[in-house]
Structures are given as C-alpha cells and as structure tokens.
PDB file of N, CA and C in Angstrom:
ATOM      1  N   MET A   1     127.011 127.969 136.990  1.00  0.00           N
ATOM      2  CA  MET A   1     126.013 128.512 135.410  1.00  0.00           C
ATOM      3  C   MET A   1     124.604 127.543 135.471  1.00  0.00           C
ATOM      4  N   GLU A   2     123.847 128.163 135.863  1.00  0.00           N
ATOM      5  CA  GLU A   2     122.537 127.307 135.885  1.00  0.00           C
ATOM      6  C   GLU A   2     121.989 127.291 134.477  1.00  0.00           C
ATOM      7  N   ALA A   3     121.031 125.739 134.589  1.00  0.00           N
ATOM      8  CA  ALA A   3     120.600 125.694 133.039  1.00  0.00           C
ATOM      9  C   ALA A   3     119.092 126.224 133.114  1.00  0.00           C
ATOM     10  N   LYS A   4     118.508 126.725 131.911  1.00  0.00           N
ATOM     11  CA  LYS A   4     117.166 127.441 131.971  1.00  0.00           C
ATOM     12  C   LYS A   4     116.637 126.382 131.799  1.00  0.00           C
ATOM     13  N   ARG A   5     114.925 126.485 132.432  1.00  0.00           N
ATOM     14  CA  ARG A   5     113.934 125.424 132.093  1.00  0.00           C
ATOM     15  C   ARG A   5     112.752 126.104 131.205  1.00  0.00           C
ATOM     16  N   PHE A   6     112.449 125.303 130.595  1.00  0.00           N
ATOM     17  CA  PHE A   6     111.197 125.485 129.779  1.00  0.00           C
ATOM     18  C   PHE A   6     110.162 124.814 129.610  1.00  0.00           C
ATOM     19  N   LYS A   7     108.838 125.217 129.737  1.00  0.00           N
ATOM     20  CA  LYS A   7     107.957 124.421 129.839  1.00  0.00           C
ATOM     21  C   LYS A   7     107.764 123.677 128.375  1.00  0.00           C
ATOM     22  N   VAL A   8     107.178 122.361 128.481  1.00  0.00           N
ATOM     23  CA  VAL A   8     106.866 121.466 127.402  1.00  0.00           C
ATOM     24  C   VAL A   8     105.995 121.379 127.152  1.00  0.00           C
ATOM     25  N   TYR A   9     105.138 121.835 125.587  1.00  0.00           N
ATOM     26  CA  TYR A   9     103.780 121.889 125.348  1.00  0.00           C
ATOM     27  C   TYR A   9     103.605 119.872 125.462  1.00  0.00           C
ATOM     28  N   LYS A  10     102.627 119.373 125.865  1.00  0.00           N
ATOM     29  CA  LYS A  10     102.683 118.002 125.946  1.00  0.00           C
ATOM     30  C   LYS A  10     101.652 117.429 124.811  1.00  0.00           C
ATOM     31  N   GLY A  11     100.997 118.347 123.999  1.00  0.00           N
ATOM     32  CA  GLY A  11     100.022 118.081 123.295  1.00  0.00           C
ATOM     33  C   GLY A  11     100.523 118.133 121.830  1.00  0.00           C
ATOM     34  N   LEU A  12     101.760 118.195 121.687  1.00  0.00           N
ATOM     35  CA  LEU A  12     102.454 118.115 120.418  1.00  0.00           C
ATOM     36  C   LEU A  12     101.924 117.034 119.700  1.00  0.00           C
ATOM     37  N   GLN A  13     102.104 115.555 120.162  1.00  0.00           N
ATOM     38  CA  GLN A  13     102.122 114.255 119.237  1.00  0.00           C
ATOM     39  C   GLN A  13     100.561 113.847 119.132  1.00  0.00           C
ATOM     40  N   ARG A  14      99.699 114.984 119.715  1.00  0.00           N
ATOM     41  CA  ARG A  14      98.207 114.475 119.560  1.00  0.00           C
ATOM     42  C   ARG A  14      97.590 114.559 118.299  1.00  0.00           C
ATOM     43  N   PRO A  15      96.513 114.265 117.526  1.00  0.00           N
ATOM     44  CA  PRO A  15      96.473 114.328 115.994  1.00  0.00           C
ATOM     45  C   PRO A  15      95.101 115.722 116.733  1.00  0.00           C
ATOM     46  N   LEU A  16      94.809 116.511 115.295  1.00  0.00           N
ATOM     47  CA  LEU A  16      94.015 117.817 115.280  1.00  0.00           C
ATOM     48  C   LEU A  16      92.672 117.243 115.742  1.00  0.00           C
ATOM     49  N   THR A  17      91.767 117.979 116.429  1.00  0.00           N
ATOM     50  CA  THR A  17      90.322 117.617 116.940  1.00  0.00           C
ATOM     51  C   THR A  17      89.953 118.375 116.461  1.00  0.00           C
ATOM     52  N   TYR A  18      88.422 118.185 116.162  1.00  0.00           N
ATOM     53  CA  TYR A  18      87.398 119.611 115.935  1.00  0.00           C
ATOM     54  C   TYR A  18      85.859 118.862 115.773  1.00  0.00           C
ATOM     55  N   LYS A  19      85.052 119.046 116.851  1.00  0.00           N
ATOM     56  CA  LYS A  19      83.909 119.044 116.948  1.00  0.00           C
ATOM     57  C   LYS A  19      83.588 117.209 116.758  1.00  0.00           C
ATOM     58  N   GLY A  20      84.712 117.010 117.732  1.00  0.00           N
ATOM     59  CA  GLY A  20      84.736 115.545 118.066  1.00  0.00           C
ATOM     60  C   GLY A  20      85.254 114.568 116.758  1.00  0.00           C
ATOM     61  N   PHE A  21      85.591 114.977 115.505  1.00  0.00           N
ATOM     62  CA  PHE A  21      86.371 114.588 114.520  1.00  0.00           C
ATOM     63  C   PHE A  21      87.627 114.804 114.813  1.00  0.00           C
ATOM     64  N   LYS A  22      88.485 113.410 114.548  1.00  0.00           N
ATOM     65  CA  LYS A  22      89.782 113.844 114.780  1.00  0.00           C
ATOM     66  C   LYS A  22      90.843 113.570 113.593  1.00  0.00           C
ATOM     67  N   GLY A  23      91.880 114.183 113.162  1.00  0.00           N
ATOM     68  CA  GLY A  23      92.824 113.826 112.371  1.00  0.00           C
ATOM     69  C   GLY A  23      92.253 113.930 110.947  1.00  0.00           C
ATOM     70  N   ARG A  24      92.389 112.619 110.068  1.00  0.00           N
ATOM     71  CA  ARG A  24      92.115 112.907 108.680  1.00  0.00           C
ATOM     72  C   ARG A  24      90.568 112.822 108.360  1.00  0.00           C
ATOM     73  N   PHE A  25      89.749 112.337 109.557  1.00  0.00           N
ATOM     74  CA  PHE A  25      88.355 112.285 109.450  1.00  0.00           C
ATOM     75  C   PHE A  25      87.755 114.034 109.310  1.00  0.00           C
ATOM     76  N   ILE A  26      88.416 114.867 109.889  1.00  0.00           N
ATOM     77  CA  ILE A  26      88.263 116.163 109.583  1.00  0.00           C
ATOM     78  C   ILE A  26      87.757 116.235 108.133  1.00  0.00           C
ATOM     79  N   TYR A  27      89.198 116.603 107.413  1.00  0.00           N
ATOM     80  CA  TYR A  27      89.051 116.379 105.853  1.00  0.00           C
ATOM     81  C   TYR A  27      88.110 115.427 105.404  1.00  0.00           C
ATOM     82  N   TRP A  28      88.088 114.133 105.780  1.00  0.00           N
ATOM     83  CA  TRP A  28      86.851 113.571 104.990  1.00  0.00           C
ATOM     84  C   TRP A  28      85.347 114.129 105.416  1.00  0.00           C
ATOM     85  N   GLY A  29      85.163 114.687 106.535  1.00  0.00           N
ATOM     86  CA  GLY A  29      84.137 115.532 106.367  1.00  0.00           C
ATOM     87  C   GLY A  29      83.443 116.715 106.297  1.00  0.00           C
ATOM     88  N   LEU A  30      84.891 117.542 106.035  1.00  0.00           N
ATOM     89  CA  LEU A  30      84.646 118.862 104.767  1.00  0.00           C
ATOM     90  C   LEU A  30      84.581 118.224 103.415  1.00  0.00           C
ATOM     91  N   GLY A  31      85.155 117.211 102.991  1.00  0.00           N
ATOM     92  CA  GLY A  31      84.802 116.592 101.479  1.00  0.00           C
ATOM     93  C   GLY A  31      83.565 116.179 101.310  1.00  0.00           C
ATOM     94  N   MET A  32      82.971 115.625 102.358  1.00  0.00           N
ATOM     95  CA  MET A  32      81.422 114.838 102.568  1.00  0.00           C
ATOM     96  C   MET A  32      80.438 115.900 102.300  1.00  0.00           C
ATOM     97  N   LEU A  33      80.652 117.253 103.391  1.00  0.00           N
ATOM     98  CA  LEU A  33      79.943 118.061 103.486  1.00  0.00           C
ATOM     99  C   LEU A  33      79.869 119.353 101.601  1.00  0.00           C
ATOM    100  N   LEU A  34      81.148 119.333 101.457  1.00  0.00           N
ATOM    101  CA  LEU A  34      81.149 119.781  99.769  1.00  0.00           C
ATOM    102  C   LEU A  34      80.062 119.188  98.675  1.00  0.00           C
ATOM    103  N   PHE A  35      80.313 117.621  99.010  1.00  0.00           N
ATOM    104  CA  PHE A  35      80.210 116.717  97.614  1.00  0.00           C
ATOM    105  C   PHE A  35      78.578 116.689  98.179  1.00  0.00           C
ATOM    106  N   SER A  36      77.889 116.548  99.332  1.00  0.00           N
ATOM    107  CA  SER A  36      76.664 116.808  99.634  1.00  0.00           C
ATOM    108  C   SER A  36      75.881 118.407  99.169  1.00  0.00           C
ATOM    109  N   LEU A  37      76.635 119.169  99.241  1.00  0.00           N
ATOM    110  CA  LEU A  37      76.283 120.546  98.978  1.00  0.00           C
ATOM    111  C   LEU A  37      76.334 120.685  97.583  1.00  0.00           C
ATOM    112  N   VAL A  38      76.700 120.276  97.038  1.00  0.00           N
ATOM    113  CA  VAL A  38      77.083 120.225  95.210  1.00  0.00           C
ATOM    114  C   VAL A  38      76.275 119.525  94.518  1.00  0.00           C
ATOM    115  N   THR A  39      76.148 118.344  95.253  1.00  0.00           N
ATOM    116  CA  THR A  39      74.895 117.205  94.528  1.00  0.00           C
ATOM    117  C   THR A  39      73.522 117.847  94.798  1.00  0.00           C
ATOM    118  N   GLY A  40      73.295 118.309  96.418  1.00  0.00           N
ATOM    119  CA  GLY A  40      72.042 118.992  96.511  1.00  0.00           C
ATOM    120  C   GLY A  40      71.745 120.196  95.596  1.00  0.00           C
ATOM    121  N   ALA A  41      73.062 120.841  95.326  1.00  0.00           N
ATOM    122  CA  ALA A  41      72.263 121.973  94.466  1.00  0.00           C
ATOM    123  C   ALA A  41      72.511 121.765  92.872  1.00  0.00           C
ATOM    124  N   LEU A  42      72.658 120.915  92.256  1.00  0.00           N
ATOM    125  CA  LEU A  42      72.438 120.402  91.154  1.00  0.00           C
ATOM    126  C   LEU A  42      71.190 119.561  91.029  1.00  0.00           C
ATOM    127  N   LEU A  43      70.891 118.698  92.135  1.00  0.00           N
ATOM    128  CA  LEU A  43      69.135 118.346  92.193  1.00  0.00           C
ATOM    129  C   LEU A  43      68.309 119.254  92.167  1.00  0.00           C
ATOM    130  N   MET A  44      68.739 120.337  92.759  1.00  0.00           N
ATOM    131  CA  MET A  44      67.427 121.504  93.066  1.00  0.00           C
ATOM    132  C   MET A  44      67.676 122.350  91.747  1.00  0.00           C
ATOM    133  N   ALA A  45      68.487 122.212  91.204  1.00  0.00           N
ATOM    134  CA  ALA A  45      68.731 123.281  89.847  1.00  0.00           C
ATOM    135  C   ALA A  45      68.107 122.028  88.831  1.00  0.00           C
ATOM    136  N   MET A  46      68.249 120.983  88.659  1.00  0.00           N
ATOM    137  CA  MET A  46      67.678 120.203  87.655  1.00  0.00           C
ATOM    138  C   MET A  46      66.309 119.657  87.953  1.00  0.00           C
ATOM    139  N   VAL A  47      65.885 118.933  89.056  1.00  0.00           N
ATOM    140  CA  VAL A  47      64.662 118.167  89.234  1.00  0.00           C
ATOM    141  C   VAL A  47      63.859 119.463  90.068  1.00  0.00           C
ATOM    142  N   SER A  48      64.253 119.271  91.312  1.00  0.00           N
ATOM    143  CA  SER A  48      63.053 120.118  92.311  1.00  0.00           C
ATOM    144  C   SER A  48      63.678 120.367  93.827  1.00  0.00           C
ATOM    145  N   MET A  49      63.296 121.959  93.721  1.00  0.00           N
ATOM    146  CA  MET A  49      64.063 122.195  95.189  1.00  0.00           C
ATOM    147  C   MET A  49      63.865 121.627  96.520  1.00  0.00           C
ATOM    148  N   TYR A  50      62.672 120.771  96.746  1.00  0.00           N
ATOM    149  CA  TYR A  50      62.534 119.862  97.860  1.00  0.00           C
ATOM    150  C   TYR A  50      63.230 118.767  97.823  1.00  0.00           C
ATOM    151  N   ALA A  51      63.555 118.118  96.157  1.00  0.00           N
ATOM    152  CA  ALA A  51      64.201 116.766  96.176  1.00  0.00           C
ATOM    153  C   ALA A  51      65.407 117.402  96.426  1.00  0.00           C
ATOM    154  N   GLY A  52      66.306 117.851  96.033  1.00  0.00           N
ATOM    155  CA  GLY A  52      67.555 118.104  96.185  1.00  0.00           C
ATOM    156  C   GLY A  52      67.646 118.618  97.855  1.00  0.00           C
ATOM    157  N   ALA A  53      66.852 119.375  98.378  1.00  0.00           N
ATOM    158  CA  ALA A  53      67.252 119.931  99.797  1.00  0.00           C
ATOM    159  C   ALA A  53      66.906 118.331 100.513  1.00  0.00           C
ATOM    160  N   VAL A  54      66.070 117.273 100.131  1.00  0.00           N
ATOM    161  CA  VAL A  54      66.018 116.062 101.332  1.00  0.00           C
ATOM    162  C   VAL A  54      67.349 115.501 100.850  1.00  0.00           C
ATOM    163  N   LEU A  55      67.808 115.146  99.320  1.00  0.00           N
ATOM    164  CA  LEU A  55      68.823 114.365  99.139  1.00  0.00           C
ATOM    165  C   LEU A  55      70.113 114.937  99.953  1.00  0.00           C
ATOM    166  N   MET A  56      70.200 116.375  99.831  1.00  0.00           N
ATOM    167  CA  MET A  56      71.393 116.747 100.594  1.00  0.00           C
ATOM    168  C   MET A  56      71.348 116.546 101.891  1.00  0.00           C
ATOM    169  N   ILE A  57      70.234 116.985 102.407  1.00  0.00           N
ATOM    170  CA  ILE A  57      70.318 116.519 104.361  1.00  0.00           C
ATOM    171  C   ILE A  57      69.980 114.976 104.618  1.00  0.00           C
ATOM    172  N   ALA A  58      69.826 114.113 103.803  1.00  0.00           N
ATOM    173  CA  ALA A  58      70.414 112.619 103.610  1.00  0.00           C
ATOM    174  C   ALA A  58      71.542 112.535 103.514  1.00  0.00           C
ATOM    175  N   MET A  59      72.325 113.038 102.585  1.00  0.00           N
ATOM    176  CA  MET A  59      73.656 112.720 102.554  1.00  0.00           C
ATOM    177  C   MET A  59      74.311 113.242 103.670  1.00  0.00           C
ATOM    178  N   LEU A  60      74.142 114.439 104.161  1.00  0.00           N
ATOM    179  CA  LEU A  60      75.170 114.878 105.251  1.00  0.00           C
ATOM    180  C   LEU A  60      74.900 114.136 106.528  1.00  0.00           C
ATOM    181  N   ILE A  61      73.779 113.630 106.853  1.00  0.00           N
ATOM    182  CA  ILE A  61      73.438 112.846 108.241  1.00  0.00           C
ATOM    183  C   ILE A  61      74.186 111.516 107.995  1.00  0.00           C
ATOM    184  N   SER A  62      73.687 110.924 106.576  1.00  0.00           N
ATOM    185  CA  SER A  62      74.348 109.555 106.720  1.00  0.00           C
ATOM    186  C   SER A  62      75.643 109.514 106.357  1.00  0.00           C
ATOM    187  N   GLY A  63      76.228 110.638 105.844  1.00  0.00           N
ATOM    188  CA  GLY A  63      77.731 110.832 106.076  1.00  0.00           C
ATOM    189  C   GLY A  63      78.558 110.857 107.068  1.00  0.00           C
ATOM    190  N   PHE A  64      77.852 111.725 107.895  1.00  0.00           N
ATOM    191  CA  PHE A  64      78.308 111.999 109.444  1.00  0.00           C
ATOM    192  C   PHE A  64      78.691 110.795 110.235  1.00  0.00           C
ATOM    193  N   PHE A  65      76.924 110.132 109.934  1.00  0.00           N
ATOM    194  CA  PHE A  65      76.923 108.651 111.358  1.00  0.00           C
ATOM    195  C   PHE A  65      78.270 107.543 110.397  1.00  0.00           C
ATOM    196  N   TRP A  66      78.370 107.228 109.069  1.00  0.00           N
ATOM    197  CA  TRP A  66      79.472 106.769 108.533  1.00  0.00           C
ATOM    198  C   TRP A  66      80.720 107.117 109.087  1.00  0.00           C
ATOM    199  N   LEU A  67      80.914 108.447 108.908  1.00  0.00           N
ATOM    200  CA  LEU A  67      82.414 109.136 109.585  1.00  0.00           C
ATOM    201  C   LEU A  67      82.459 108.675 111.018  1.00  0.00           C
ATOM    202  N   ALA A  68      81.520 108.720 111.779  1.00  0.00           N
ATOM    203  CA  ALA A  68      81.534 108.658 113.338  1.00  0.00           C
ATOM    204  C   ALA A  68      81.929 106.981 113.420  1.00  0.00           C
ATOM    205  N   GLY A  69      81.238 106.243 112.577  1.00  0.00           N
ATOM    206  CA  GLY A  69      81.826 104.954 112.759  1.00  0.00           C
ATOM    207  C   GLY A  69      83.166 104.398 112.376  1.00  0.00           C
ATOM    208  N   ARG A  70      83.627 105.079 111.224  1.00  0.00           N
ATOM    209  CA  ARG A  70      84.664 104.780 110.543  1.00  0.00           C
ATOM    210  C   ARG A  70      85.649 105.207 111.618  1.00  0.00           C
ATOM    211  N   GLN A  71      85.702 106.469 112.688  1.00  0.00           N
ATOM    212  CA  GLN A  71      86.503 106.807 113.540  1.00  0.00           C
ATOM    213  C   GLN A  71      86.526 105.946 114.821  1.00  0.00           C
ATOM    214  N   LYS A  72      85.770 105.372 115.177  1.00  0.00           N
ATOM    215  CA  LYS A  72      85.382 104.248 116.420  1.00  0.00           C
ATOM    216  C   LYS A  72      86.318 103.432 115.905  1.00  0.00           C
ATOM    217  N   LYS A  73      86.667 103.104 114.640  1.00  0.00           N
ATOM    218  CA  LYS A  73      87.744 101.884 114.508  1.00  0.00           C
ATOM    219  C   LYS A  73      88.957 102.467 114.755  1.00  0.00           C
ATOM    220  N   GLY A  74      89.435 103.940 114.944  1.00  0.00           N
ATOM    221  CA  GLY A  74      90.753 104.205 114.877  1.00  0.00           C
ATOM    222  C   GLY A  74      91.313 105.195 114.021  1.00  0.00           C
ATOM    223  N   LEU A  75      92.303 105.693 114.331  1.00  0.00           N
ATOM    224  CA  LEU A  75      92.465 106.937 113.399  1.00  0.00           C
ATOM    225  C   LEU A  75      93.606 106.164 112.337  1.00  0.00           C
ATOM    226  N   TYR A  76      93.792 105.305 112.829  1.00  0.00           N
ATOM    227  CA  TYR A  76      95.045 104.380 111.810  1.00  0.00           C
ATOM    228  C   TYR A  76      94.442 103.100 111.549  1.00  0.00           C
ATOM    229  N   ASP A  77      93.199 102.815 110.773  1.00  0.00           N
ATOM    230  CA  ASP A  77      92.658 101.363 110.837  1.00  0.00           C
ATOM    231  C   ASP A  77      93.670 100.783 110.035  1.00  0.00           C
ATOM    232  N   LYS A  78      93.756  99.449 110.321  1.00  0.00           N
ATOM    233  CA  LYS A  78      94.735  98.601 109.712  1.00  0.00           C
ATOM    234  C   LYS A  78      93.633  97.136 109.445  1.00  0.00           C
ATOM    235  N   LYS A  79      93.890  96.738 108.242  1.00  0.00           N
ATOM    236  CA  LYS A  79      93.351  95.336 108.017  1.00  0.00           C
ATOM    237  C   LYS A  79      93.489  94.143 109.042  1.00  0.00           C
ATOM    238  N   LYS A  80      92.598  93.390 109.675  1.00  0.00           N
ATOM    239  CA  LYS A  80      92.408  92.403 110.739  1.00  0.00           C
ATOM    240  C   LYS A  80      92.243  91.029 110.033  1.00  0.00           C
ATOM    241  N   LEU A  81      93.559  90.765 109.603  1.00  0.00           N
ATOM    242  CA  LEU A  81      93.234  89.076 108.274  1.00  0.00           C
ATOM    243  C   LEU A  81      93.173  88.219 109.799  1.00  0.00           C
ATOM    244  N   ARG A  82      92.645  87.213 109.446  1.00  0.00           N
ATOM    245  CA  ARG A  82      92.369  86.116 110.479  1.00  0.00           C
ATOM    246  C   ARG A  82      93.008  84.871 109.911  1.00  0.00           C
ATOM    247  N   GLY A  83      93.537  84.242 110.521  1.00  0.00           N
ATOM    248  CA  GLY A  83      94.314  82.771 109.960  1.00  0.00           C
ATOM    249  C   GLY A  83      95.763  82.741 109.704  1.00  0.00           C
ATOM    250  N   VAL A  84      95.976  81.783 109.276  1.00  0.00           N
ATOM    251  CA  VAL A  84      97.379  81.201 109.018  1.00  0.00           C
ATOM    252  C   VAL A  84      97.850  81.544 107.606  1.00  0.00           C
ATOM    253  N   TYR A  85      98.813  82.478 107.291  1.00  0.00           N
ATOM    254  CA  TYR A  85      99.219  82.305 106.047  1.00  0.00           C
ATOM    255  C   TYR A  85     100.621  82.028 106.028  1.00  0.00           C
ATOM    256  N   LEU A  86     101.079  81.406 104.584  1.00  0.00           N
ATOM    257  CA  LEU A  86     102.199  80.566 104.437  1.00  0.00           C
ATOM    258  C   LEU A  86     103.001  81.560 102.930  1.00  0.00           C
ATOM    259  N   HIS A  87     103.880  81.982 103.030  1.00  0.00           N
ATOM    260  CA  HIS A  87     104.321  82.497 102.155  1.00  0.00           C
ATOM    261  C   HIS A  87     105.211  81.812 101.515  1.00  0.00           C
ATOM    262  N   PRO A  88     105.576  81.393 100.218  1.00  0.00           N
ATOM    263  CA  PRO A  88     106.088  80.806  99.368  1.00  0.00           C
ATOM    264  C   PRO A  88     107.678  81.176  99.777  1.00  0.00           C
ATOM    265  N   SER A  89     108.462  80.294  99.996  1.00  0.00           N
ATOM    266  CA  SER A  89     109.958  80.789 100.051  1.00  0.00           C
ATOM    267  C   SER A  89     110.934  80.739  98.534  1.00  0.00           C
ATOM    268  N   ASN A  90     111.740  81.828  98.240  1.00  0.00           N
ATOM    269  CA  ASN A  90     112.007  81.836  97.068  1.00  0.00           C
ATOM    270  C   ASN A  90     113.867  81.718  97.211  1.00  0.00           C
ATOM    271  N   LEU A  91     114.350  81.193  98.493  1.00  0.00           N
ATOM    272  CA  LEU A  91     115.418  80.707  98.642  1.00  0.00           C
ATOM    273  C   LEU A  91     116.065  80.124  97.318  1.00  0.00           C
ATOM    274  N   GLN A  92     115.365  79.090  96.831  1.00  0.00           N
ATOM    275  CA  GLN A  92     116.159  78.310  96.203  1.00  0.00           C
ATOM    276  C   GLN A  92     116.701  79.082  94.783  1.00  0.00           C
ATOM    277  N   LYS A  93     116.023  80.514  94.471  1.00  0.00           N
ATOM    278  CA  LYS A  93     116.212  81.661  93.304  1.00  0.00           C
ATOM    279  C   LYS A  93     117.609  82.092  93.772  1.00  0.00           C
ATOM    280  N   ILE A  94     117.677  82.214  94.926  1.00  0.00           N
ATOM    281  CA  ILE A  94     118.889  83.042  95.978  1.00  0.00           C
ATOM    282  C   ILE A  94     119.807  82.352  95.687  1.00  0.00           C
ATOM    283  N   TYR A  95     119.805  80.802  96.083  1.00  0.00           N
ATOM    284  CA  TYR A  95     120.925  79.951  96.049  1.00  0.00           C
ATOM    285  C   TYR A  95     121.576  79.762  94.603  1.00  0.00           C
ATOM    286  N   ARG A  96     120.957  79.571  93.679  1.00  0.00           N
ATOM    287  CA  ARG A  96     121.081  79.330  92.497  1.00  0.00           C
ATOM    288  C   ARG A  96     122.182  80.290  92.157  1.00  0.00           C
ATOM    289  N   TYR A  97     121.704  82.040  92.304  1.00  0.00           N
ATOM    290  CA  TYR A  97     122.616  82.944  91.835  1.00  0.00           C
ATOM    291  C   TYR A  97     123.514  83.172  92.876  1.00  0.00           C
ATOM    292  N   VAL A  98     123.832  82.574  94.048  1.00  0.00           N
ATOM    293  CA  VAL A  98     125.174  82.670  94.664  1.00  0.00           C
ATOM    294  C   VAL A  98     125.966  81.501  94.296  1.00  0.00           C
ATOM    295  N   ARG A  99     125.613  80.438  93.957  1.00  0.00           N
ATOM    296  CA  ARG A  99     126.236  79.542  93.478  1.00  0.00           C
ATOM    297  C   ARG A  99     127.074  79.910  92.436  1.00  0.00           C
ATOM    298  N   GLN A 100     126.363  80.484  91.197  1.00  0.00           N
ATOM    299  CA  GLN A 100     126.802  80.569  90.073  1.00  0.00           C
ATOM    300  C   GLN A 100     127.980  81.668  90.089  1.00  0.00           C
ATOM    301  N   GLU A 101     127.923  82.752  91.204  1.00  0.00           N
ATOM    302  CA  GLU A 101     128.971  83.923  91.016  1.00  0.00           C
ATOM    303  C   GLU A 101     130.274  83.192  91.889  1.00  0.00           C
ATOM    304  N   ARG A 102     129.687  82.132  92.712  1.00  0.00           N
ATOM    305  CA  ARG A 102     131.000  81.595  93.678  1.00  0.00           C
ATOM    306  C   ARG A 102     131.943  80.528  92.287  1.00  0.00           C
ATOM    307  N   ILE A 103     131.311  80.484  91.277  1.00  0.00           N
ATOM    308  CA  ILE A 103     131.906  79.273  90.575  1.00  0.00           C
ATOM    309  C   ILE A 103     133.194  80.107  89.646  1.00  0.00           C
TER     310      ILE A 103
END
C-alpha cells in the first residue's frame, strides 16, 4: 500500500503582509488612516477646509513614517534592558511556612 504525498504550503507560519506592512502594523496603519481622516474632517468642518487637509496629510505622512520605523525594530519588539538586576529572594518566607507545617 503506497502512502499518498501531499504538497505542503510553506508560508503558513509567516505573518500577513500588505504593501510592505507586516502583521499587527497593518492594523496600526488602518487605525492611523481612520484617525487622521476623522480628525481632518472635523477640522475641515470647524475651522477651514485647507487647515483640515494640511493636518490630515501631515498626520498620514508622519504616522506612516513612524510605523515604518517601528516595523524595523521587529514584529515582536521586546524591551532591551541593560545592566545587572538582582531580585530579592523570598525563600525565608517559604522556609518559615514549610517548617510550621512539619511541626
């Protein structure tokens, strides 16, 4: 009896990519786009059409440059703490409870 061979799709573990943005940055970009559109529309309605358009374009451009910079740090960025950190030991409390149970 011969075993069937199936082709394995190799891209299953890769993050979603769209127009250069990967994974969670796609959603951040969509949120930034919607936020800048709403903010620009409100400013257009309350102050001036030109001021709202300038603010909206400035928010979009600066937001996408910020996102591109964040994406260069990696999809799963972690805090990089430098130095030696000593955590206090709480073993005395544990030993005290263990000794009381044995008596």
